[in-house]
Amino acid sequence: MFWKLFAKRGPANPNVKDAGQGVYLVRVRTLAHGDEVQVRFTKSAHIGVAEEGKGYVLRKPIISSQHIDKGEIAVFFDANYRITGTEAEGVEFIPFKEWED
């Protein structure tokens, strides 16, 4: 059982890619026309304190350049900046394992 403490864990959230050094990447698809939009955000500049005062949150409006589709995403973090959840309105997350680089 002790070895389970050191076993490699999967990604914290399949929708948010940790690019290292406090940089995160998210890709979404708009529900109206299926336009793909990539969002890049950093821990130091874009994440704020959650309304409840527990942890942190990124809220980002999304506007596709092709059809001007609108949506919004939210990425929630605990007090140690571990991703605890994601929400989307008007868009759907594309898990980073499905990204075509």
PDB file of N, CA and C in Angstrom:
ATOM      1  N   MET A   1       0.802  -1.189   0.000  1.00  0.00           N
ATOM      2  CA  MET A   1       0.000   0.000   0.000  1.00  0.00           C
ATOM      3  C   MET A   1       0.851   1.263   0.000  1.00  0.00           C
ATOM      4  N   PHE A   2       2.032   1.179   0.592  1.00  0.00           N
ATOM      5  CA  PHE A   2       2.901   2.352   0.664  1.00  0.00           C
ATOM      6  C   PHE A   2       3.273   2.869  -0.717  1.00  0.00           C
ATOM      7  N   TRP A   3       3.430   1.985  -1.695  1.00  0.00           N
ATOM      8  CA  TRP A   3       3.825   2.388  -3.043  1.00  0.00           C
ATOM      9  C   TRP A   3       2.769   3.239  -3.716  1.00  0.00           C
ATOM     10  N   LYS A   4       1.506   3.125  -3.282  1.00  0.00           N
ATOM     11  CA  LYS A   4       0.436   3.927  -3.877  1.00  0.00           C
ATOM     12  C   LYS A   4       0.613   5.416  -3.589  1.00  0.00           C
ATOM     13  N   LEU A   5       1.282   5.752  -2.512  1.00  0.00           N
ATOM     14  CA  LEU A   5       1.526   7.155  -2.203  1.00  0.00           C
ATOM     15  C   LEU A   5       2.412   7.822  -3.246  1.00  0.00           C
ATOM     16  N   PHE A   6       3.263   7.053  -3.876  1.00  0.00           N
ATOM     17  CA  PHE A   6       4.214   7.606  -4.830  1.00  0.00           C
ATOM     18  C   PHE A   6       3.879   7.255  -6.272  1.00  0.00           C
ATOM     19  N   ALA A   7       2.761   6.616  -6.484  1.00  0.00           N
ATOM     20  CA  ALA A   7       2.361   6.256  -7.847  1.00  0.00           C
ATOM     21  C   ALA A   7       2.043   7.526  -8.632  1.00  0.00           C
ATOM     22  N   LYS A   8       2.378   7.497  -9.909  1.00  0.00           N
ATOM     23  CA  LYS A   8       2.124   8.658 -10.744  1.00  0.00           C
ATOM     24  C   LYS A   8       0.620   8.819 -10.941  1.00  0.00           C
ATOM     25  N   ARG A   9       0.149  10.012 -10.686  1.00  0.00           N
ATOM     26  CA  ARG A   9      -1.263  10.298 -10.832  1.00  0.00           C
ATOM     27  C   ARG A   9      -1.527  10.878 -12.206  1.00  0.00           C
ATOM     28  N   GLY A  10      -2.741  10.722 -12.661  1.00  0.00           N
ATOM     29  CA  GLY A  10      -3.153  11.316 -13.924  1.00  0.00           C
ATOM     30  C   GLY A  10      -3.309  12.821 -13.778  1.00  0.00           C
ATOM     31  N   PRO A  11      -3.697  13.485 -14.845  1.00  0.00           N
ATOM     32  CA  PRO A  11      -3.868  14.934 -14.764  1.00  0.00           C
ATOM     33  C   PRO A  11      -4.978  15.305 -13.792  1.00  0.00           C
ATOM     34  N   ALA A  12      -4.836  16.463 -13.179  1.00  0.00           N
ATOM     35  CA  ALA A  12      -5.812  16.911 -12.200  1.00  0.00           C
ATOM     36  C   ALA A  12      -7.180  17.129 -12.836  1.00  0.00           C
ATOM     37  N   ASN A  13      -7.204  17.599 -14.052  1.00  0.00           N
ATOM     38  CA  ASN A  13      -8.453  17.840 -14.762  1.00  0.00           C
ATOM     39  C   ASN A  13      -8.195  17.634 -16.245  1.00  0.00           C
ATOM     40  N   PRO A  14      -8.994  16.854 -16.932  1.00  0.00           N
ATOM     41  CA  PRO A  14      -8.730  16.578 -18.351  1.00  0.00           C
ATOM     42  C   PRO A  14      -8.995  17.763 -19.276  1.00  0.00           C
ATOM     43  N   ASN A  15      -9.624  18.826 -18.763  1.00  0.00           N
ATOM     44  CA  ASN A  15      -9.948  19.978 -19.590  1.00  0.00           C
ATOM     45  C   ASN A  15      -8.901  21.079 -19.563  1.00  0.00           C
ATOM     46  N   VAL A  16      -8.020  21.053 -18.578  1.00  0.00           N
ATOM     47  CA  VAL A  16      -7.029  22.111 -18.402  1.00  0.00           C
ATOM     48  C   VAL A  16      -5.640  21.499 -18.479  1.00  0.00           C
ATOM     49  N   LYS A  17      -4.832  22.005 -19.401  1.00  0.00           N
ATOM     50  CA  LYS A  17      -3.472  21.499 -19.557  1.00  0.00           C
ATOM     51  C   LYS A  17      -2.509  22.424 -18.830  1.00  0.00           C
ATOM     52  N   ASP A  18      -1.733  21.854 -17.922  1.00  0.00           N
ATOM     53  CA  ASP A  18      -0.709  22.606 -17.204  1.00  0.00           C
ATOM     54  C   ASP A  18       0.531  22.636 -18.086  1.00  0.00           C
ATOM     55  N   ALA A  19       0.840  23.798 -18.652  1.00  0.00           N
ATOM     56  CA  ALA A  19       1.981  23.939 -19.549  1.00  0.00           C
ATOM     57  C   ALA A  19       3.271  24.227 -18.788  1.00  0.00           C
ATOM     58  N   GLY A  20       3.216  24.300 -17.478  1.00  0.00           N
ATOM     59  CA  GLY A  20       4.399  24.532 -16.662  1.00  0.00           C
ATOM     60  C   GLY A  20       4.605  25.997 -16.341  1.00  0.00           C
ATOM     61  N   GLN A  21       5.293  26.265 -15.265  1.00  0.00           N
ATOM     62  CA  GLN A  21       5.648  27.599 -14.805  1.00  0.00           C
ATOM     63  C   GLN A  21       4.431  28.505 -14.632  1.00  0.00           C
ATOM     64  N   GLY A  22       3.327  27.931 -14.153  1.00  0.00           N
ATOM     65  CA  GLY A  22       2.133  28.715 -13.868  1.00  0.00           C
ATOM     66  C   GLY A  22       1.301  29.080 -15.077  1.00  0.00           C
ATOM     67  N   VAL A  23       1.538  28.422 -16.214  1.00  0.00           N
ATOM     68  CA  VAL A  23       0.780  28.677 -17.443  1.00  0.00           C
ATOM     69  C   VAL A  23      -0.162  27.512 -17.692  1.00  0.00           C
ATOM     70  N   TYR A  24      -1.417  27.829 -18.031  1.00  0.00           N
ATOM     71  CA  TYR A  24      -2.431  26.824 -18.298  1.00  0.00           C
ATOM     72  C   TYR A  24      -3.050  27.064 -19.675  1.00  0.00           C
ATOM     73  N   LEU A  25      -3.475  25.980 -20.325  1.00  0.00           N
ATOM     74  CA  LEU A  25      -4.117  26.070 -21.634  1.00  0.00           C
ATOM     75  C   LEU A  25      -5.456  25.346 -21.575  1.00  0.00           C
ATOM     76  N   VAL A  26      -6.453  25.936 -22.247  1.00  0.00           N
ATOM     77  CA  VAL A  26      -7.789  25.358 -22.334  1.00  0.00           C
ATOM     78  C   VAL A  26      -8.254  25.527 -23.775  1.00  0.00           C
ATOM     79  N   ARG A  27      -8.924  24.516 -24.294  1.00  0.00           N
ATOM     80  CA  ARG A  27      -9.572  24.634 -25.607  1.00  0.00           C
ATOM     81  C   ARG A  27     -11.049  24.325 -25.430  1.00  0.00           C
ATOM     82  N   VAL A  28     -11.858  25.144 -26.102  1.00  0.00           N
ATOM     83  CA  VAL A  28     -13.302  24.958 -26.047  1.00  0.00           C
ATOM     84  C   VAL A  28     -13.873  24.983 -27.455  1.00  0.00           C
ATOM     85  N   ARG A  29     -15.068  24.449 -27.575  1.00  0.00           N
ATOM     86  CA  ARG A  29     -15.806  24.462 -28.840  1.00  0.00           C
ATOM     87  C   ARG A  29     -17.130  25.157 -28.564  1.00  0.00           C
ATOM     88  N   THR A  30     -17.479  26.147 -29.399  1.00  0.00           N
ATOM     89  CA  THR A  30     -18.737  26.854 -29.190  1.00  0.00           C
ATOM     90  C   THR A  30     -19.904  25.942 -29.526  1.00  0.00           C
ATOM     91  N   LEU A  31     -20.998  26.100 -28.787  1.00  0.00           N
ATOM     92  CA  LEU A  31     -22.172  25.269 -29.008  1.00  0.00           C
ATOM     93  C   LEU A  31     -22.944  25.699 -30.254  1.00  0.00           C
ATOM     94  N   ALA A  32     -22.891  26.987 -30.589  1.00  0.00           N
ATOM     95  CA  ALA A  32     -23.682  27.484 -31.714  1.00  0.00           C
ATOM     96  C   ALA A  32     -23.156  27.002 -33.068  1.00  0.00           C
ATOM     97  N   HIS A  33     -21.832  27.133 -33.306  1.00  0.00           N
ATOM     98  CA  HIS A  33     -21.278  26.795 -34.615  1.00  0.00           C
ATOM     99  C   HIS A  33     -20.108  25.814 -34.571  1.00  0.00           C
ATOM    100  N   GLY A  34     -19.664  25.427 -33.395  1.00  0.00           N
ATOM    101  CA  GLY A  34     -18.563  24.476 -33.294  1.00  0.00           C
ATOM    102  C   GLY A  34     -17.190  25.080 -33.516  1.00  0.00           C
ATOM    103  N   ASP A  35     -17.066  26.406 -33.384  1.00  0.00           N
ATOM    104  CA  ASP A  35     -15.761  27.051 -33.526  1.00  0.00           C
ATOM    105  C   ASP A  35     -14.868  26.667 -32.349  1.00  0.00           C
ATOM    106  N   GLU A  36     -13.587  26.396 -32.627  1.00  0.00           N
ATOM    107  CA  GLU A  36     -12.639  26.081 -31.563  1.00  0.00           C
ATOM    108  C   GLU A  36     -11.875  27.337 -31.157  1.00  0.00           C
ATOM    109  N   VAL A  37     -11.746  27.517 -29.851  1.00  0.00           N
ATOM    110  CA  VAL A  37     -11.040  28.669 -29.301  1.00  0.00           C
ATOM    111  C   VAL A  37     -10.070  28.151 -28.250  1.00  0.00           C
ATOM    112  N   GLN A  38      -8.814  28.623 -28.311  1.00  0.00           N
ATOM    113  CA  GLN A  38      -7.836  28.262 -27.289  1.00  0.00           C
ATOM    114  C   GLN A  38      -7.635  29.444 -26.360  1.00  0.00           C
ATOM    115  N   VAL A  39      -7.559  29.153 -25.071  1.00  0.00           N
ATOM    116  CA  VAL A  39      -7.366  30.170 -24.050  1.00  0.00           C
ATOM    117  C   VAL A  39      -6.087  29.848 -23.299  1.00  0.00           C
ATOM    118  N   ARG A  40      -5.246  30.854 -23.110  1.00  0.00           N
ATOM    119  CA  ARG A  40      -4.020  30.719 -22.329  1.00  0.00           C
ATOM    120  C   ARG A  40      -4.148  31.657 -21.144  1.00  0.00           C
ATOM    121  N   PHE A  41      -3.875  31.151 -19.942  1.00  0.00           N
ATOM    122  CA  PHE A  41      -3.901  32.016 -18.771  1.00  0.00           C
ATOM    123  C   PHE A  41      -2.787  31.628 -17.818  1.00  0.00           C
ATOM    124  N   THR A  42      -2.415  32.579 -16.962  1.00  0.00           N
ATOM    125  CA  THR A  42      -1.330  32.337 -16.015  1.00  0.00           C
ATOM    126  C   THR A  42      -1.840  32.463 -14.591  1.00  0.00           C
ATOM    127  N   LYS A  43      -1.169  31.767 -13.727  1.00  0.00           N
ATOM    128  CA  LYS A  43      -1.522  31.778 -12.315  1.00  0.00           C
ATOM    129  C   LYS A  43      -1.328  33.171 -11.722  1.00  0.00           C
ATOM    130  N   SER A  44      -0.281  33.856 -12.114  1.00  0.00           N
ATOM    131  CA  SER A  44       0.036  35.131 -11.491  1.00  0.00           C
ATOM    132  C   SER A  44      -0.807  36.295 -11.991  1.00  0.00           C
ATOM    133  N   ALA A  45      -1.295  36.240 -13.231  1.00  0.00           N
ATOM    134  CA  ALA A  45      -1.978  37.406 -13.792  1.00  0.00           C
ATOM    135  C   ALA A  45      -3.489  37.257 -13.957  1.00  0.00           C
ATOM    136  N   HIS A  46      -3.998  36.056 -14.087  1.00  0.00           N
ATOM    137  CA  HIS A  46      -5.395  35.903 -14.480  1.00  0.00           C
ATOM    138  C   HIS A  46      -6.303  35.258 -13.445  1.00  0.00           C
ATOM    139  N   ILE A  47      -5.744  34.624 -12.446  1.00  0.00           N
ATOM    140  CA  ILE A  47      -6.553  33.903 -11.465  1.00  0.00           C
ATOM    141  C   ILE A  47      -6.789  34.800 -10.258  1.00  0.00           C
ATOM    142  N   GLY A  48      -8.053  34.864  -9.823  1.00  0.00           N
ATOM    143  CA  GLY A  48      -8.401  35.696  -8.678  1.00  0.00           C
ATOM    144  C   GLY A  48      -8.970  34.880  -7.540  1.00  0.00           C
ATOM    145  N   VAL A  49      -9.203  35.543  -6.430  1.00  0.00           N
ATOM    146  CA  VAL A  49      -9.764  34.896  -5.248  1.00  0.00           C
ATOM    147  C   VAL A  49     -11.233  34.582  -5.513  1.00  0.00           C
ATOM    148  N   ALA A  50     -11.658  33.393  -5.137  1.00  0.00           N
ATOM    149  CA  ALA A  50     -13.046  32.971  -5.321  1.00  0.00           C
ATOM    150  C   ALA A  50     -13.970  33.814  -4.445  1.00  0.00           C
ATOM    151  N   GLU A  51     -15.212  33.957  -4.881  1.00  0.00           N
ATOM    152  CA  GLU A  51     -16.185  34.762  -4.144  1.00  0.00           C
ATOM    153  C   GLU A  51     -16.397  34.259  -2.722  1.00  0.00           C
ATOM    154  N   GLU A  52     -16.335  32.954  -2.553  1.00  0.00           N
ATOM    155  CA  GLU A  52     -16.542  32.369  -1.232  1.00  0.00           C
ATOM    156  C   GLU A  52     -15.341  32.578  -0.321  1.00  0.00           C
ATOM    157  N   GLY A  53     -14.226  33.030  -0.874  1.00  0.00           N
ATOM    158  CA  GLY A  53     -13.026  33.227  -0.089  1.00  0.00           C
ATOM    159  C   GLY A  53     -12.207  31.974   0.111  1.00  0.00           C
ATOM    160  N   LYS A  54     -12.648  30.871  -0.474  1.00  0.00           N
ATOM    161  CA  LYS A  54     -11.926  29.610  -0.350  1.00  0.00           C
ATOM    162  C   LYS A  54     -11.385  29.240  -1.714  1.00  0.00           C
ATOM    163  N   GLY A  55     -10.103  29.380  -1.899  1.00  0.00           N
ATOM    164  CA  GLY A  55      -9.480  29.022  -3.166  1.00  0.00           C
ATOM    165  C   GLY A  55      -9.493  30.160  -4.163  1.00  0.00           C
ATOM    166  N   TYR A  56      -9.314  29.783  -5.418  1.00  0.00           N
ATOM    167  CA  TYR A  56      -9.159  30.760  -6.490  1.00  0.00           C
ATOM    168  C   TYR A  56     -10.016  30.358  -7.685  1.00  0.00           C
ATOM    169  N   VAL A  57     -10.249  31.313  -8.579  1.00  0.00           N
ATOM    170  CA  VAL A  57     -11.072  31.038  -9.751  1.00  0.00           C
ATOM    171  C   VAL A  57     -10.602  31.878 -10.931  1.00  0.00           C
ATOM    172  N   LEU A  58     -10.714  31.300 -12.107  1.00  0.00           N
ATOM    173  CA  LEU A  58     -10.528  32.041 -13.361  1.00  0.00           C
ATOM    174  C   LEU A  58     -11.891  32.074 -14.033  1.00  0.00           C
ATOM    175  N   ARG A  59     -12.390  33.253 -14.335  1.00  0.00           N
ATOM    176  CA  ARG A  59     -13.610  33.410 -15.130  1.00  0.00           C
ATOM    177  C   ARG A  59     -13.203  34.147 -16.395  1.00  0.00           C
ATOM    178  N   LYS A  60     -13.520  33.551 -17.542  1.00  0.00           N
ATOM    179  CA  LYS A  60     -13.055  34.100 -18.812  1.00  0.00           C
ATOM    180  C   LYS A  60     -14.178  34.077 -19.830  1.00  0.00           C
ATOM    181  N   PRO A  61     -14.542  35.247 -20.374  1.00  0.00           N
ATOM    182  CA  PRO A  61     -15.503  35.239 -21.480  1.00  0.00           C
ATOM    183  C   PRO A  61     -14.827  34.715 -22.744  1.00  0.00           C
ATOM    184  N   ILE A  62     -15.595  34.012 -23.554  1.00  0.00           N
ATOM    185  CA  ILE A  62     -15.085  33.425 -24.792  1.00  0.00           C
ATOM    186  C   ILE A  62     -15.872  34.024 -25.953  1.00  0.00           C
ATOM    187  N   ILE A  63     -15.160  34.493 -26.966  1.00  0.00           N
ATOM    188  CA  ILE A  63     -15.783  34.977 -28.194  1.00  0.00           C
ATOM    189  C   ILE A  63     -15.006  34.386 -29.357  1.00  0.00           C
ATOM    190  N   SER A  64     -15.692  33.619 -30.201  1.00  0.00           N
ATOM    191  CA  SER A  64     -15.010  33.025 -31.349  1.00  0.00           C
ATOM    192  C   SER A  64     -14.841  34.085 -32.433  1.00  0.00           C
ATOM    193  N   SER A  65     -13.737  34.012 -33.128  1.00  0.00           N
ATOM    194  CA  SER A  65     -13.460  35.021 -34.157  1.00  0.00           C
ATOM    195  C   SER A  65     -14.216  34.746 -35.452  1.00  0.00           C
ATOM    196  N   GLN A  66     -14.586  33.501 -35.695  1.00  0.00           N
ATOM    197  CA  GLN A  66     -15.227  33.165 -36.961  1.00  0.00           C
ATOM    198  C   GLN A  66     -16.697  33.581 -37.000  1.00  0.00           C
ATOM    199  N   HIS A  67     -17.483  33.199 -35.990  1.00  0.00           N
ATOM    200  CA  HIS A  67     -18.919  33.490 -35.991  1.00  0.00           C
ATOM    201  C   HIS A  67     -19.345  34.419 -34.854  1.00  0.00           C
ATOM    202  N   ILE A  68     -18.405  34.920 -34.094  1.00  0.00           N
ATOM    203  CA  ILE A  68     -18.675  35.781 -32.942  1.00  0.00           C
ATOM    204  C   ILE A  68     -19.604  35.079 -31.931  1.00  0.00           C
ATOM    205  N   ASP A  69     -19.437  33.766 -31.796  1.00  0.00           N
ATOM    206  CA  ASP A  69     -20.178  33.016 -30.779  1.00  0.00           C
ATOM    207  C   ASP A  69     -19.642  33.406 -29.406  1.00  0.00           C
ATOM    208  N   LYS A  70     -20.518  33.465 -28.420  1.00  0.00           N
ATOM    209  CA  LYS A  70     -20.114  33.876 -27.080  1.00  0.00           C
ATOM    210  C   LYS A  70     -20.340  32.765 -26.069  1.00  0.00           C
ATOM    211  N   GLY A  71     -19.510  32.767 -25.043  1.00  0.00           N
ATOM    212  CA  GLY A  71     -19.629  31.815 -23.955  1.00  0.00           C
ATOM    213  C   GLY A  71     -18.760  32.274 -22.798  1.00  0.00           C
ATOM    214  N   GLU A  72     -18.661  31.447 -21.786  1.00  0.00           N
ATOM    215  CA  GLU A  72     -17.827  31.765 -20.627  1.00  0.00           C
ATOM    216  C   GLU A  72     -17.346  30.474 -19.998  1.00  0.00           C
ATOM    217  N   ILE A  73     -16.115  30.500 -19.496  1.00  0.00           N
ATOM    218  CA  ILE A  73     -15.585  29.363 -18.759  1.00  0.00           C
ATOM    219  C   ILE A  73     -15.192  29.804 -17.354  1.00  0.00           C
ATOM    220  N   ALA A  74     -15.161  28.844 -16.466  1.00  0.00           N
ATOM    221  CA  ALA A  74     -14.664  29.060 -15.114  1.00  0.00           C
ATOM    222  C   ALA A  74     -13.815  27.849 -14.740  1.00  0.00           C
ATOM    223  N   VAL A  75     -12.639  28.126 -14.175  1.00  0.00           N
ATOM    224  CA  VAL A  75     -11.741  27.076 -13.692  1.00  0.00           C
ATOM    225  C   VAL A  75     -11.514  27.360 -12.213  1.00  0.00           C
ATOM    226  N   PHE A  76     -11.798  26.378 -11.376  1.00  0.00           N
ATOM    227  CA  PHE A  76     -11.709  26.547  -9.934  1.00  0.00           C
ATOM    228  C   PHE A  76     -10.461  25.857  -9.384  1.00  0.00           C
ATOM    229  N   PHE A  77      -9.824  26.517  -8.421  1.00  0.00           N
ATOM    230  CA  PHE A  77      -8.594  26.024  -7.791  1.00  0.00           C
ATOM    231  C   PHE A  77      -8.786  26.029  -6.277  1.00  0.00           C
ATOM    232  N   ASP A  78      -8.095  25.113  -5.590  1.00  0.00           N
ATOM    233  CA  ASP A  78      -8.103  25.153  -4.128  1.00  0.00           C
ATOM    234  C   ASP A  78      -7.042  26.143  -3.655  1.00  0.00           C
ATOM    235  N   ALA A  79      -6.816  26.217  -2.366  1.00  0.00           N
ATOM    236  CA  ALA A  79      -5.870  27.175  -1.802  1.00  0.00           C
ATOM    237  C   ALA A  79      -4.429  26.906  -2.234  1.00  0.00           C
ATOM    238  N   ASN A  80      -4.137  25.685  -2.714  1.00  0.00           N
ATOM    239  CA  ASN A  80      -2.799  25.325  -3.181  1.00  0.00           C
ATOM    240  C   ASN A  80      -2.696  25.330  -4.705  1.00  0.00           C
ATOM    241  N   TYR A  81      -3.649  25.969  -5.368  1.00  0.00           N
ATOM    242  CA  TYR A  81      -3.698  26.088  -6.832  1.00  0.00           C
ATOM    243  C   TYR A  81      -3.826  24.739  -7.539  1.00  0.00           C
ATOM    244  N   ARG A  82      -4.451  23.774  -6.902  1.00  0.00           N
ATOM    245  CA  ARG A  82      -4.796  22.528  -7.578  1.00  0.00           C
ATOM    246  C   ARG A  82      -6.182  22.697  -8.176  1.00  0.00           C
ATOM    247  N   ILE A  83      -6.362  22.269  -9.398  1.00  0.00           N
ATOM    248  CA  ILE A  83      -7.641  22.431 -10.083  1.00  0.00           C
ATOM    249  C   ILE A  83      -8.676  21.523  -9.443  1.00  0.00           C
ATOM    250  N   THR A  84      -9.800  22.114  -9.058  1.00  0.00           N
ATOM    251  CA  THR A  84     -10.859  21.344  -8.409  1.00  0.00           C
ATOM    252  C   THR A  84     -12.090  21.179  -9.291  1.00  0.00           C
ATOM    253  N   GLY A  85     -12.202  21.971 -10.354  1.00  0.00           N
ATOM    254  CA  GLY A  85     -13.365  21.824 -11.221  1.00  0.00           C
ATOM    255  C   GLY A  85     -13.381  22.847 -12.341  1.00  0.00           C
ATOM    256  N   THR A  86     -14.251  22.599 -13.312  1.00  0.00           N
ATOM    257  CA  THR A  86     -14.433  23.511 -14.442  1.00  0.00           C
ATOM    258  C   THR A  86     -15.915  23.631 -14.742  1.00  0.00           C
ATOM    259  N   GLU A  87     -16.304  24.775 -15.284  1.00  0.00           N
ATOM    260  CA  GLU A  87     -17.672  24.999 -15.729  1.00  0.00           C
ATOM    261  C   GLU A  87     -17.632  25.745 -17.046  1.00  0.00           C
ATOM    262  N   ALA A  88     -18.653  25.537 -17.867  1.00  0.00           N
ATOM    263  CA  ALA A  88     -18.722  26.213 -19.156  1.00  0.00           C
ATOM    264  C   ALA A  88     -20.163  26.590 -19.463  1.00  0.00           C
ATOM    265  N   GLU A  89     -20.318  27.739 -20.106  1.00  0.00           N
ATOM    266  CA  GLU A  89     -21.636  28.193 -20.535  1.00  0.00           C
ATOM    267  C   GLU A  89     -21.518  28.674 -21.976  1.00  0.00           C
ATOM    268  N   GLY A  90     -22.276  28.092 -22.877  1.00  0.00           N
ATOM    269  CA  GLY A  90     -22.234  28.467 -24.283  1.00  0.00           C
ATOM    270  C   GLY A  90     -21.109  27.814 -25.065  1.00  0.00           C
ATOM    271  N   VAL A  91     -20.255  27.077 -24.361  1.00  0.00           N
ATOM    272  CA  VAL A  91     -19.134  26.350 -24.981  1.00  0.00           C
ATOM    273  C   VAL A  91     -18.994  25.015 -24.276  1.00  0.00           C
ATOM    274  N   GLU A  92     -18.244  24.099 -24.897  1.00  0.00           N
ATOM    275  CA  GLU A  92     -17.909  22.839 -24.241  1.00  0.00           C
ATOM    276  C   GLU A  92     -16.397  22.672 -24.265  1.00  0.00           C
ATOM    277  N   PHE A  93     -15.869  22.126 -23.189  1.00  0.00           N
ATOM    278  CA  PHE A  93     -14.425  21.898 -23.110  1.00  0.00           C
ATOM    279  C   PHE A  93     -14.023  20.780 -24.060  1.00  0.00           C
ATOM    280  N   ILE A  94     -12.848  20.906 -24.644  1.00  0.00           N
ATOM    281  CA  ILE A  94     -12.241  19.846 -25.432  1.00  0.00           C
ATOM    282  C   ILE A  94     -11.119  19.275 -24.567  1.00  0.00           C
ATOM    283  N   PRO A  95     -11.217  18.029 -24.107  1.00  0.00           N
ATOM    284  CA  PRO A  95     -10.150  17.446 -23.282  1.00  0.00           C
ATOM    285  C   PRO A  95      -8.814  17.512 -24.030  1.00  0.00           C
ATOM    286  N   PHE A  96      -7.742  17.838 -23.305  1.00  0.00           N
ATOM    287  CA  PHE A  96      -6.466  18.066 -23.993  1.00  0.00           C
ATOM    288  C   PHE A  96      -5.904  16.809 -24.647  1.00  0.00           C
ATOM    289  N   LYS A  97      -6.388  15.641 -24.311  1.00  0.00           N
ATOM    290  CA  LYS A  97      -5.946  14.436 -25.004  1.00  0.00           C
ATOM    291  C   LYS A  97      -6.476  14.377 -26.441  1.00  0.00           C
ATOM    292  N   GLU A  98      -7.513  15.150 -26.729  1.00  0.00           N
ATOM    293  CA  GLU A  98      -8.104  15.193 -28.071  1.00  0.00           C
ATOM    294  C   GLU A  98      -7.538  16.312 -28.940  1.00  0.00           C
ATOM    295  N   TRP A  99      -6.673  17.141 -28.385  1.00  0.00           N
ATOM    296  CA  TRP A  99      -6.128  18.269 -29.150  1.00  0.00           C
ATOM    297  C   TRP A  99      -5.241  17.772 -30.255  1.00  0.00           C
ATOM    298  N   GLU A 100      -5.319  18.422 -31.377  1.00  0.00           N
ATOM    299  CA  GLU A 100      -4.407  18.163 -32.494  1.00  0.00           C
ATOM    300  C   GLU A 100      -3.350  19.257 -32.454  1.00  0.00           C
ATOM    301  N   ASP A 101      -2.156  18.897 -32.055  1.00  0.00           N
ATOM    302  CA  ASP A 101      -1.089  19.909 -31.912  1.00  0.00           C
ATOM    303  C   ASP A 101      -0.490  20.318 -33.219  1.00  0.00           C
TER     304      ASP A 101
END
